[in-house]
C-alpha atoms as a PDB file:
ATOM      1  CA  MET A   1    -107.233  58.739 -21.470  1.00  0.00           C
ATOM      2  CA  GLU A   2    -110.778  59.822 -20.569  1.00  0.00           C
ATOM      3  CA  LEU A   3    -113.177  58.744 -17.835  1.00  0.00           C
ATOM      4  CA  LEU A   4    -115.716  57.776 -20.490  1.00  0.00           C
ATOM      5  CA  GLN A   5    -113.189  55.362 -22.006  1.00  0.00           C
ATOM      6  CA  LEU A   6    -112.641  53.825 -18.574  1.00  0.00           C
ATOM      7  CA  GLN A   7    -116.372  53.522 -17.971  1.00  0.00           C
ATOM      8  CA  TYR A   8    -116.792  51.763 -21.329  1.00  0.00           C
ATOM      9  CA  PHE A   9    -113.848  49.471 -20.556  1.00  0.00           C
ATOM     10  CA  GLN A  10    -115.314  48.609 -17.148  1.00  0.00           C
ATOM     11  CA  THR A  11    -118.628  47.583 -18.700  1.00  0.00           C
ATOM     12  CA  VAL A  12    -117.025  45.511 -21.476  1.00  0.00           C
ATOM     13  CA  ALA A  13    -114.742  43.828 -18.918  1.00  0.00           C
ATOM     14  CA  ARG A  14    -117.716  42.918 -16.743  1.00  0.00           C
ATOM     15  CA  LEU A  15    -119.827  41.508 -19.580  1.00  0.00           C
ATOM     16  CA  GLU A  16    -116.993  40.257 -21.836  1.00  0.00           C
ATOM     17  CA  HIS A  17    -119.344  40.897 -24.754  1.00  0.00           C
ATOM     18  CA  ILE A  18    -119.196  43.954 -27.026  1.00  0.00           C
ATOM     19  CA  THR A  19    -122.807  43.754 -28.236  1.00  0.00           C
ATOM     20  CA  LYS A  20    -124.264  43.391 -24.738  1.00  0.00           C
ATOM     21  CA  ALA A  21    -122.015  46.157 -23.429  1.00  0.00           C
ATOM     22  CA  ALA A  22    -123.079  48.478 -26.247  1.00  0.00           C
ATOM     23  CA  GLU A  23    -126.737  47.779 -25.478  1.00  0.00           C
ATOM     24  CA  GLU A  24    -126.241  48.475 -21.782  1.00  0.00           C
ATOM     25  CA  LEU A  25    -124.300  51.673 -22.491  1.00  0.00           C
ATOM     26  CA  GLN A  26    -126.820  52.659 -25.188  1.00  0.00           C
ATOM     27  CA  ILE A  27    -124.171  53.392 -27.838  1.00  0.00           C
ATOM     28  CA  ALA A  28    -123.435  51.911 -31.247  1.00  0.00           C
ATOM     29  CA  GLN A  29    -121.304  48.770 -31.249  1.00  0.00           C
ATOM     30  CA  PRO A  30    -118.698  50.125 -33.751  1.00  0.00           C
ATOM     31  CA  SER A  31    -118.287  53.242 -31.612  1.00  0.00           C
ATOM     32  CA  LEU A  32    -117.679  51.126 -28.514  1.00  0.00           C
ATOM     33  CA  SER A  33    -115.162  48.921 -30.322  1.00  0.00           C
ATOM     34  CA  LYS A  34    -113.244  52.004 -31.517  1.00  0.00           C
ATOM     35  CA  THR A  35    -113.212  53.460 -27.995  1.00  0.00           C
ATOM     36  CA  ILE A  36    -111.748  50.251 -26.550  1.00  0.00           C
ATOM     37  CA  ALA A  37    -109.180  50.107 -29.361  1.00  0.00           C
ATOM     38  CA  ARG A  38    -108.096  53.715 -28.649  1.00  0.00           C
ATOM     39  CA  LEU A  39    -107.753  52.905 -24.959  1.00  0.00           C
ATOM     40  CA  GLU A  40    -105.569  49.880 -25.712  1.00  0.00           C
ATOM     41  CA  ALA A  41    -103.457  51.976 -28.084  1.00  0.00           C
ATOM     42  CA  SER A  42    -102.887  54.629 -25.401  1.00  0.00           C
ATOM     43  CA  ILE A  43    -101.830  51.961 -22.886  1.00  0.00           C
ATOM     44  CA  GLY A  44     -99.673  50.092 -25.393  1.00  0.00           C
ATOM     45  CA  VAL A  45    -100.968  46.552 -24.814  1.00  0.00           C
ATOM     46  CA  PRO A  46    -104.183  44.671 -25.640  1.00  0.00           C
ATOM     47  CA  LEU A  47    -106.562  44.318 -22.688  1.00  0.00           C
ATOM     48  CA  PHE A  48    -108.709  41.571 -24.202  1.00  0.00           C
ATOM     49  CA  ASP A  49    -108.080  38.306 -26.029  1.00  0.00           C
ATOM     50  CA  ARG A  50    -110.279  38.173 -29.122  1.00  0.00           C
ATOM     51  CA  GLN A  51    -111.498  35.020 -30.833  1.00  0.00           C
ATOM     52  CA  GLY A  52    -114.024  35.892 -33.505  1.00  0.00           C
ATOM     53  CA  ARG A  53    -116.905  37.636 -31.786  1.00  0.00           C
ATOM     54  CA  ASN A  54    -115.836  36.413 -28.365  1.00  0.00           C
ATOM     55  CA  ILE A  55    -113.622  38.524 -26.106  1.00  0.00           C
ATOM     56  CA  ARG A  56    -112.014  37.643 -22.797  1.00  0.00           C
ATOM     57  CA  LEU A  57    -110.202  39.888 -20.353  1.00  0.00           C
ATOM     58  CA  ASN A  58    -106.498  38.963 -20.504  1.00  0.00           C
ATOM     59  CA  PRO A  59    -103.941  39.276 -17.651  1.00  0.00           C
ATOM     60  CA  PHE A  60    -103.147  42.879 -18.662  1.00  0.00           C
ATOM     61  CA  GLY A  61    -106.844  43.708 -18.640  1.00  0.00           C
ATOM     62  CA  LYS A  62    -107.416  42.105 -15.235  1.00  0.00           C
ATOM     63  CA  VAL A  63    -104.672  44.183 -13.634  1.00  0.00           C
ATOM     64  CA  PHE A  64    -105.902  47.349 -15.336  1.00  0.00           C
ATOM     65  CA  LEU A  65    -109.523  46.639 -14.275  1.00  0.00           C
ATOM     66  CA  GLN A  66    -108.509  46.556 -10.603  1.00  0.00           C
ATOM     67  CA  ARG A  67    -107.071  50.069 -10.949  1.00  0.00           C
ATOM     68  CA  VAL A  68    -110.087  51.333 -12.903  1.00  0.00           C
ATOM     69  CA  ASP A  69    -112.480  49.971 -10.272  1.00  0.00           C
ATOM     70  CA  ARG A  70    -110.447  51.770  -7.626  1.00  0.00           C
ATOM     71  CA  ILE A  71    -110.610  55.041  -9.592  1.00  0.00           C
ATOM     72  CA  PHE A  72    -114.405  54.979  -9.773  1.00  0.00           C
ATOM     73  CA  GLN A  73    -114.636  53.915  -6.138  1.00  0.00           C
ATOM     74  CA  GLU A  74    -112.518  56.899  -5.080  1.00  0.00           C
ATOM     75  CA  LEU A  75    -114.619  59.239  -7.238  1.00  0.00           C
ATOM     76  CA  GLU A  76    -117.838  57.954  -5.686  1.00  0.00           C
ATOM     77  CA  GLU A  77    -116.475  58.353  -2.157  1.00  0.00           C
ATOM     78  CA  GLY A  78    -115.283  61.850  -3.064  1.00  0.00           C
ATOM     79  CA  LYS A  79    -118.782  62.797  -4.225  1.00  0.00           C
ATOM     80  CA  ARG A  80    -120.289  61.450  -0.999  1.00  0.00           C
ATOM     81  CA  GLU A  81    -117.815  63.371   1.140  1.00  0.00           C
ATOM     82  CA  VAL A  82    -118.352  66.665  -0.716  1.00  0.00           C
ATOM     83  CA  ARG A  83    -122.136  66.262  -0.599  1.00  0.00           C
ATOM     84  CA  ASP A  84    -121.916  65.682   3.142  1.00  0.00           C
ATOM     85  CA  MET A  85    -119.809  68.821   3.529  1.00  0.00           C
ATOM     86  CA  ALA A  86    -122.242  70.851   1.452  1.00  0.00           C
ATOM     87  CA  GLY A  87    -125.302  69.460   3.177  1.00  0.00           C
ATOM     88  CA  LEU A  88    -126.639  68.059  -0.097  1.00  0.00           C
ATOM     89  CA  ASN A  89    -127.025  64.447   1.011  1.00  0.00           C
ATOM     90  CA  ARG A  90    -129.761  63.420   3.403  1.00  0.00           C
ATOM     91  CA  GLY A  91    -127.868  60.256   4.195  1.00  0.00           C
ATOM     92  CA  SER A  92    -127.538  56.739   2.836  1.00  0.00           C
ATOM     93  CA  ILE A  93    -126.191  53.737   4.744  1.00  0.00           C
ATOM     94  CA  THR A  94    -125.414  50.246   3.465  1.00  0.00           C
ATOM     95  CA  LEU A  95    -125.623  47.870   6.403  1.00  0.00           C
ATOM     96  CA  ALA A  96    -124.888  44.163   6.773  1.00  0.00           C
ATOM     97  CA  ALA A  97    -126.249  42.339   9.823  1.00  0.00           C
ATOM     98  CA  SER A  98    -126.040  38.661  10.691  1.00  0.00           C
ATOM     99  CA  ILE A  99    -128.690  39.029  13.442  1.00  0.00           C
ATOM    100  CA  ILE A 100    -131.578  40.482  11.482  1.00  0.00           C
ATOM    101  CA  SER A 101    -134.046  40.090  14.356  1.00  0.00           C
ATOM    102  CA  ILE A 102    -132.583  43.168  16.049  1.00  0.00           C
ATOM    103  CA  LEU A 103    -132.927  45.374  12.970  1.00  0.00           C
ATOM    104  CA  PRO A 104    -136.583  46.480  13.202  1.00  0.00           C
ATOM    105  CA  GLU A 105    -136.178  47.915  16.702  1.00  0.00           C
ATOM    106  CA  LEU A 106    -132.674  49.272  16.059  1.00  0.00           C
ATOM    107  CA  LEU A 107    -133.516  50.963  12.755  1.00  0.00           C
ATOM    108  CA  SER A 108    -136.845  52.260  13.991  1.00  0.00           C
ATOM    109  CA  ALA A 109    -135.181  53.963  16.959  1.00  0.00           C
ATOM    110  CA  PHE A 110    -132.533  55.536  14.715  1.00  0.00           C
ATOM    111  CA  LEU A 111    -135.014  56.695  12.073  1.00  0.00           C
ATOM    112  CA  ASP A 112    -137.101  58.373  14.761  1.00  0.00           C
ATOM    113  CA  GLN A 113    -134.147  60.734  15.180  1.00  0.00           C
ATOM    114  CA  TYR A 114    -132.974  60.824  11.546  1.00  0.00           C
ATOM    115  CA  PRO A 115    -136.071  60.194   9.387  1.00  0.00           C
ATOM    116  CA  ASN A 116    -134.409  61.167   6.084  1.00  0.00           C
ATOM    117  CA  VAL A 117    -131.682  58.525   6.187  1.00  0.00           C
ATOM    118  CA  HIS A 118    -132.011  55.710   3.644  1.00  0.00           C
ATOM    119  CA  PHE A 119    -130.863  52.159   4.507  1.00  0.00           C
ATOM    120  CA  ARG A 120    -129.894  49.273   2.252  1.00  0.00           C
ATOM    121  CA  GLN A 121    -129.472  45.921   3.967  1.00  0.00           C
ATOM    122  CA  VAL A 122    -127.020  43.249   2.791  1.00  0.00           C
ATOM    123  CA  LEU A 123    -127.089  39.579   3.825  1.00  0.00           C
ATOM    124  CA  GLU A 124    -124.139  37.549   2.549  1.00  0.00           C
ATOM    125  CA  PRO A 125    -121.640  34.909   3.756  1.00  0.00           C
ATOM    126  CA  THR A 126    -118.647  36.155   5.743  1.00  0.00           C
ATOM    127  CA  ALA A 127    -116.137  36.003   2.887  1.00  0.00           C
ATOM    128  CA  VAL A 128    -118.408  38.122   0.677  1.00  0.00           C
ATOM    129  CA  LEU A 129    -118.994  40.660   3.473  1.00  0.00           C
ATOM    130  CA  LYS A 130    -115.245  41.025   3.998  1.00  0.00           C
ATOM    131  CA  ARG A 131    -114.695  41.682   0.299  1.00  0.00           C
ATOM    132  CA  MET A 132    -117.553  44.217   0.227  1.00  0.00           C
ATOM    133  CA  LEU A 133    -116.136  46.034   3.264  1.00  0.00           C
ATOM    134  CA  GLU A 134    -112.704  46.128   1.634  1.00  0.00           C
ATOM    135  CA  ASP A 135    -114.218  47.505  -1.580  1.00  0.00           C
ATOM    136  CA  GLY A 136    -116.315  50.122   0.215  1.00  0.00           C
ATOM    137  CA  GLU A 137    -119.614  48.539  -0.859  1.00  0.00           C
ATOM    138  CA  ILE A 138    -120.722  48.226   2.790  1.00  0.00           C
ATOM    139  CA  ASP A 139    -120.502  51.004   5.359  1.00  0.00           C
ATOM    140  CA  LEU A 140    -121.033  48.988   8.540  1.00  0.00           C
ATOM    141  CA  CYS A 141    -121.475  45.348   9.474  1.00  0.00           C
ATOM    142  CA  ILE A 142    -123.092  43.970  12.647  1.00  0.00           C
ATOM    143  CA  THR A 143    -121.872  40.408  12.874  1.00  0.00           C
ATOM    144  CA  THR A 144    -120.897  37.520  15.106  1.00  0.00           C
ATOM    145  CA  ALA A 145    -118.214  36.550  12.585  1.00  0.00           C
ATOM    146  CA  PRO A 146    -114.697  37.880  13.244  1.00  0.00           C
ATOM    147  CA  ILE A 147    -113.817  39.898  10.135  1.00  0.00           C
ATOM    148  CA  GLU A 148    -110.140  40.776  10.139  1.00  0.00           C
ATOM    149  CA  GLY A 149    -107.844  42.405   7.632  1.00  0.00           C
ATOM    150  CA  ASP A 150    -105.947  45.523   6.707  1.00  0.00           C
ATOM    151  CA  GLY A 151    -107.964  48.576   7.707  1.00  0.00           C
ATOM    152  CA  MET A 152    -110.732  46.643   9.478  1.00  0.00           C
ATOM    153  CA  GLU A 153    -112.010  48.186  12.718  1.00  0.00           C
ATOM    154  CA  TRP A 154    -113.915  46.042  15.223  1.00  0.00           C
ATOM    155  CA  THR A 155    -115.921  47.145  18.260  1.00  0.00           C
ATOM    156  CA  PRO A 156    -117.399  44.353  20.436  1.00  0.00           C
ATOM    157  CA  LEU A 157    -121.057  44.958  21.268  1.00  0.00           C
ATOM    158  CA  ARG A 158    -122.327  41.957  23.232  1.00  0.00           C
ATOM    159  CA  THR A 159    -121.240  38.459  24.307  1.00  0.00           C
ATOM    160  CA  GLU A 160    -124.109  36.002  24.608  1.00  0.00           C
ATOM    161  CA  ASN A 161    -124.950  32.330  24.987  1.00  0.00           C
ATOM    162  CA  ILE A 162    -125.986  30.016  22.181  1.00  0.00           C
ATOM    163  CA  TYR A 163    -129.164  28.037  22.849  1.00  0.00           C
ATOM    164  CA  LEU A 164    -130.931  25.147  21.196  1.00  0.00           C
ATOM    165  CA  ALA A 165    -134.469  25.902  20.006  1.00  0.00           C
ATOM    166  CA  VAL A 166    -136.967  23.074  19.454  1.00  0.00           C
ATOM    167  CA  HIS A 167    -140.562  22.982  18.260  1.00  0.00           C
ATOM    168  CA  GLU A 168    -143.671  22.384  20.357  1.00  0.00           C
ATOM    169  CA  GLY A 169    -143.938  18.646  19.738  1.00  0.00           C
ATOM    170  CA  HIS A 170    -140.240  17.803  20.132  1.00  0.00           C
ATOM    171  CA  TRP A 171    -139.227  15.352  22.860  1.00  0.00           C
ATOM    172  CA  LEU A 172    -136.921  17.995  24.358  1.00  0.00           C
ATOM    173  CA  ALA A 173    -139.678  20.643  24.653  1.00  0.00           C
ATOM    174  CA  GLY A 174    -140.061  21.641  28.288  1.00  0.00           C
ATOM    175  CA  ARG A 175    -136.475  20.821  29.234  1.00  0.00           C
ATOM    176  CA  GLU A 176    -134.216  23.609  30.515  1.00  0.00           C
ATOM    177  CA  SER A 177    -130.917  22.188  29.278  1.00  0.00           C
ATOM    178  CA  VAL A 178    -129.420  19.614  26.949  1.00  0.00           C
ATOM    179  CA  SER A 179    -126.040  18.074  26.240  1.00  0.00           C
ATOM    180  CA  LEU A 180    -124.663  17.963  22.723  1.00  0.00           C
ATOM    181  CA  LEU A 181    -124.305  14.197  23.045  1.00  0.00           C
ATOM    182  CA  GLU A 182    -128.107  13.923  23.082  1.00  0.00           C
ATOM    183  CA  LEU A 183    -128.384  15.600  19.680  1.00  0.00           C
ATOM    184  CA  GLN A 184    -126.360  13.268  17.484  1.00  0.00           C
ATOM    185  CA  GLU A 185    -129.418  11.728  15.767  1.00  0.00           C
ATOM    186  CA  GLU A 186    -131.393  14.951  15.425  1.00  0.00           C
ATOM    187  CA  LYS A 187    -132.334  16.784  12.216  1.00  0.00           C
ATOM    188  CA  PHE A 188    -131.097  20.381  12.171  1.00  0.00           C
ATOM    189  CA  LEU A 189    -132.167  23.562  10.424  1.00  0.00           C
ATOM    190  CA  GLY A 190    -129.563  26.230   9.733  1.00  0.00           C
ATOM    191  CA  LEU A 191    -127.948  28.779   7.504  1.00  0.00           C
ATOM    192  CA  ARG A 192    -126.120  27.370   4.510  1.00  0.00           C
ATOM    193  CA  GLN A 193    -122.394  26.678   4.387  1.00  0.00           C
ATOM    194  CA  GLY A 194    -120.353  29.878   4.196  1.00  0.00           C
ATOM    195  CA  TYR A 195    -122.138  31.690   7.024  1.00  0.00           C
ATOM    196  CA  TRP A 196    -119.938  32.009  10.093  1.00  0.00           C
ATOM    197  CA  PHE A 197    -122.587  31.024  12.654  1.00  0.00           C
ATOM    198  CA  ARG A 198    -123.193  27.763  10.786  1.00  0.00           C
ATOM    199  CA  ALA A 199    -119.466  26.976  10.790  1.00  0.00           C
ATOM    200  CA  PHE A 200    -119.233  27.872  14.483  1.00  0.00           C
ATOM    201  CA  THR A 201    -122.093  25.597  15.599  1.00  0.00           C
ATOM    202  CA  ASP A 202    -120.906  22.723  13.377  1.00  0.00           C
ATOM    203  CA  GLU A 203    -117.471  22.965  14.984  1.00  0.00           C
ATOM    204  CA  MET A 204    -119.033  23.231  18.443  1.00  0.00           C
ATOM    205  CA  CYS A 205    -120.785  19.883  17.895  1.00  0.00           C
ATOM    206  CA  ARG A 206    -117.634  18.252  16.513  1.00  0.00           C
ATOM    207  CA  GLN A 207    -115.527  19.411  19.462  1.00  0.00           C
ATOM    208  CA  GLY A 208    -118.143  18.780  22.111  1.00  0.00           C
ATOM    209  CA  ALA A 209    -119.634  15.486  21.002  1.00  0.00           C
ATOM    210  CA  GLY A 210    -117.733  14.245  17.952  1.00  0.00           C
ATOM    211  CA  PHE A 211    -120.456  14.645  15.336  1.00  0.00           C
ATOM    212  CA  THR A 212    -121.401  17.029  12.545  1.00  0.00           C
ATOM    213  CA  PRO A 213    -125.053  18.123  12.700  1.00  0.00           C
ATOM    214  CA  ASN A 214    -127.357  16.538  10.129  1.00  0.00           C
ATOM    215  CA  THR A 215    -128.622  19.787   8.599  1.00  0.00           C
ATOM    216  CA  VAL A 216    -131.624  18.800   6.503  1.00  0.00           C
ATOM    217  CA  PHE A 217    -132.556  22.357   5.470  1.00  0.00           C
ATOM    218  CA  GLU A 218    -129.957  25.012   4.590  1.00  0.00           C
ATOM    219  CA  LEU A 219    -131.278  28.541   4.159  1.00  0.00           C
ATOM    220  CA  ASP A 220    -130.071  32.103   3.600  1.00  0.00           C
ATOM    221  CA  GLU A 221    -132.295  33.847   6.152  1.00  0.00           C
ATOM    222  CA  ALA A 222    -132.707  33.227   9.868  1.00  0.00           C
ATOM    223  CA  ASP A 223    -136.437  34.000   9.757  1.00  0.00           C
ATOM    224  CA  ALA A 224    -136.897  31.238   7.181  1.00  0.00           C
ATOM    225  CA  VAL A 225    -135.274  28.846   9.662  1.00  0.00           C
ATOM    226  CA  LEU A 226    -137.846  29.966  12.228  1.00  0.00           C
ATOM    227  CA  VAL A 227    -140.738  29.135   9.880  1.00  0.00           C
ATOM    228  CA  LEU A 228    -139.452  25.574   9.366  1.00  0.00           C
ATOM    229  CA  LEU A 229    -138.802  25.193  13.106  1.00  0.00           C
ATOM    230  CA  ARG A 230    -142.430  26.016  13.893  1.00  0.00           C
ATOM    231  CA  LYS A 231    -143.533  23.427  11.341  1.00  0.00           C
ATOM    232  CA  GLY A 232    -141.592  20.777  13.246  1.00  0.00           C
ATOM    233  CA  LEU A 233    -139.096  20.024  10.487  1.00  0.00           C
ATOM    234  CA  GLY A 234    -136.003  20.180  12.690  1.00  0.00           C
ATOM    235  CA  ILE A 235    -134.212  21.950  15.536  1.00  0.00           C
ATOM    236  CA  THR A 236    -131.744  24.821  15.420  1.00  0.00           C
ATOM    237  CA  PHE A 237    -129.103  26.740  17.337  1.00  0.00           C
ATOM    238  CA  VAL A 238    -129.863  30.374  18.093  1.00  0.00           C
ATOM    239  CA  PRO A 239    -127.925  33.238  19.767  1.00  0.00           C
ATOM    240  CA  GLU A 240    -129.499  34.640  22.919  1.00  0.00           C
ATOM    241  CA  LEU A 241    -130.366  38.081  21.531  1.00  0.00           C
ATOM    242  CA  ALA A 242    -131.954  36.630  18.409  1.00  0.00           C
ATOM    243  CA  TRP A 243    -134.029  34.352  20.636  1.00  0.00           C
ATOM    244  CA  GLU A 244    -135.115  37.247  22.860  1.00  0.00           C
ATOM    245  CA  LYS A 245    -136.466  39.110  19.840  1.00  0.00           C
ATOM    246  CA  ARG A 246    -138.449  36.031  18.717  1.00  0.00           C
ATOM    247  CA  ALA A 247    -139.185  34.396  22.087  1.00  0.00           C
ATOM    248  CA  ALA A 248    -142.934  34.263  21.514  1.00  0.00           C
ATOM    249  CA  LEU A 249    -142.396  32.340  18.272  1.00  0.00           C
ATOM    250  CA  MET A 250    -139.941  29.785  19.711  1.00  0.00           C
ATOM    251  CA  PRO A 251    -140.745  29.388  23.422  1.00  0.00           C
ATOM    252  CA  HIS A 252    -138.781  26.151  23.851  1.00  0.00           C
ATOM    253  CA  ARG A 253    -135.076  26.943  24.220  1.00  0.00           C
ATOM    254  CA  LEU A 254    -132.480  24.856  26.024  1.00  0.00           C
ATOM    255  CA  ARG A 255    -129.154  25.763  27.559  1.00  0.00           C
ATOM    256  CA  ILE A 256    -126.176  23.718  26.319  1.00  0.00           C
ATOM    257  CA  THR A 257    -124.414  22.063  29.256  1.00  0.00           C
ATOM    258  CA  ASP A 258    -121.333  20.313  27.896  1.00  0.00           C
ATOM    259  CA  HIS A 259    -119.422  22.846  25.827  1.00  0.00           C
ATOM    260  CA  PRO A 260    -117.388  25.650  27.411  1.00  0.00           C
ATOM    261  CA  ASN A 261    -117.374  27.810  24.270  1.00  0.00           C
ATOM    262  CA  SER A 262    -121.110  27.963  23.558  1.00  0.00           C
ATOM    263  CA  GLN A 263    -120.955  31.755  23.416  1.00  0.00           C
ATOM    264  CA  VAL A 264    -120.535  34.268  20.601  1.00  0.00           C
ATOM    265  CA  THR A 265    -119.542  37.925  20.558  1.00  0.00           C
ATOM    266  CA  THR A 266    -121.441  40.293  18.292  1.00  0.00           C
ATOM    267  CA  GLY A 267    -119.404  43.222  17.011  1.00  0.00           C
ATOM    268  CA  LEU A 268    -119.568  46.235  14.719  1.00  0.00           C
ATOM    269  CA  VAL A 269    -117.101  46.249  11.803  1.00  0.00           C
ATOM    270  CA  TRP A 270    -116.115  48.919   9.291  1.00  0.00           C
ATOM    271  CA  SER A 271    -113.122  49.768   7.111  1.00  0.00           C
ATOM    272  CA  ASN A 272    -111.033  52.795   8.034  1.00  0.00           C
ATOM    273  CA  LYS A 273    -109.797  52.926   4.432  1.00  0.00           C
ATOM    274  CA  HIS A 274    -113.106  54.222   3.141  1.00  0.00           C
ATOM    275  CA  TYR A 275    -115.066  57.369   3.824  1.00  0.00           C
ATOM    276  CA  LEU A 276    -118.035  57.023   6.173  1.00  0.00           C
ATOM    277  CA  SER A 277    -120.779  59.525   5.526  1.00  0.00           C
ATOM    278  CA  ILE A 278    -122.063  61.693   8.369  1.00  0.00           C
ATOM    279  CA  ALA A 279    -125.165  59.485   8.484  1.00  0.00           C
ATOM    280  CA  ALA A 280    -123.033  56.329   8.777  1.00  0.00           C
ATOM    281  CA  GLN A 281    -120.882  57.893  11.495  1.00  0.00           C
ATOM    282  CA  ARG A 282    -123.991  58.839  13.460  1.00  0.00           C
ATOM    283  CA  PHE A 283    -125.430  55.362  13.045  1.00  0.00           C
ATOM    284  CA  ARG A 284    -122.156  53.740  14.140  1.00  0.00           C
ATOM    285  CA  GLN A 285    -122.280  55.604  17.461  1.00  0.00           C
ATOM    286  CA  PHE A 286    -126.009  54.929  17.756  1.00  0.00           C
ATOM    287  CA  VAL A 287    -125.414  51.157  17.451  1.00  0.00           C
ATOM    288  CA  ILE A 288    -122.702  51.234  20.139  1.00  0.00           C
ATOM    289  CA  ASP A 289    -124.968  53.200  22.504  1.00  0.00           C
ATOM    290  CA  TYR A 290    -127.940  50.932  21.719  1.00  0.00           C
ATOM    291  CA  PHE A 291    -126.087  47.768  22.709  1.00  0.00           C
ATOM    292  CA  GLN A 292    -124.749  49.395  25.860  1.00  0.00           C
ATOM    293  CA  ARG A 293    -128.355  50.036  26.882  1.00  0.00           C
ATOM    294  CA  ILE A 294    -129.646  46.524  26.158  1.00  0.00           C
ATOM    295  CA  ASN A 295    -126.656  44.944  27.893  1.00  0.00           C
END
């Protein structure tokens, strides 16, 4: 069994189409088919169900694919670790953050010290982030969502209040506080279902005032919510730190008076089952120190 066979199998399993896989791998289709057949012969069972030109990964193939994915994941982490040891890697960090308003200042301060580090940002619902952490696709995650599981490490960074933000012409503009009971007929803006902060604020309204917010716009990015807020298309909940970073753009915020749990804790999450590069380790400590300063 060769790594090239496994790479070919991985591609065919992902696409479930020999012709498309051959095009992506830039090899002849008959050659790819023979390689997959030799792999199946060495294992002793078929990995795909074939119906004419259509192929589907069967239960044997699904189990085998999990192991193959793990092999390539371990190889990639091994390369990263050796490059770090040899000083060949200037540093690459994949970061997920649910409060993107803090990122410009945070990343700018870090890159002043480590200008050669490359960042890739990920923004996904909580369940996807957990899976990506487990698979080693994300190095670190700054989130208000509790992400738990085998190998997950969590460091709390900051506990803060949740506020209500309204636009300039809203009847609540100028008020210092509001009760949830006053918001039952309001139109809300928010992240779409699947994001933890959306689930948290929906539950806060149900517990505190017995209603589910009428969210008229569901979006994937917090800054897009801000644009619609300024256009007067609804109101929104916002964590304190996110508001502080955008205070000039949403000056009308109100404290919530009738719910004891209108607070969230932001934390830093990573998996201790996967190798963290030297750059990621440095950034992890930098984030912890950064939040200690702003607290």
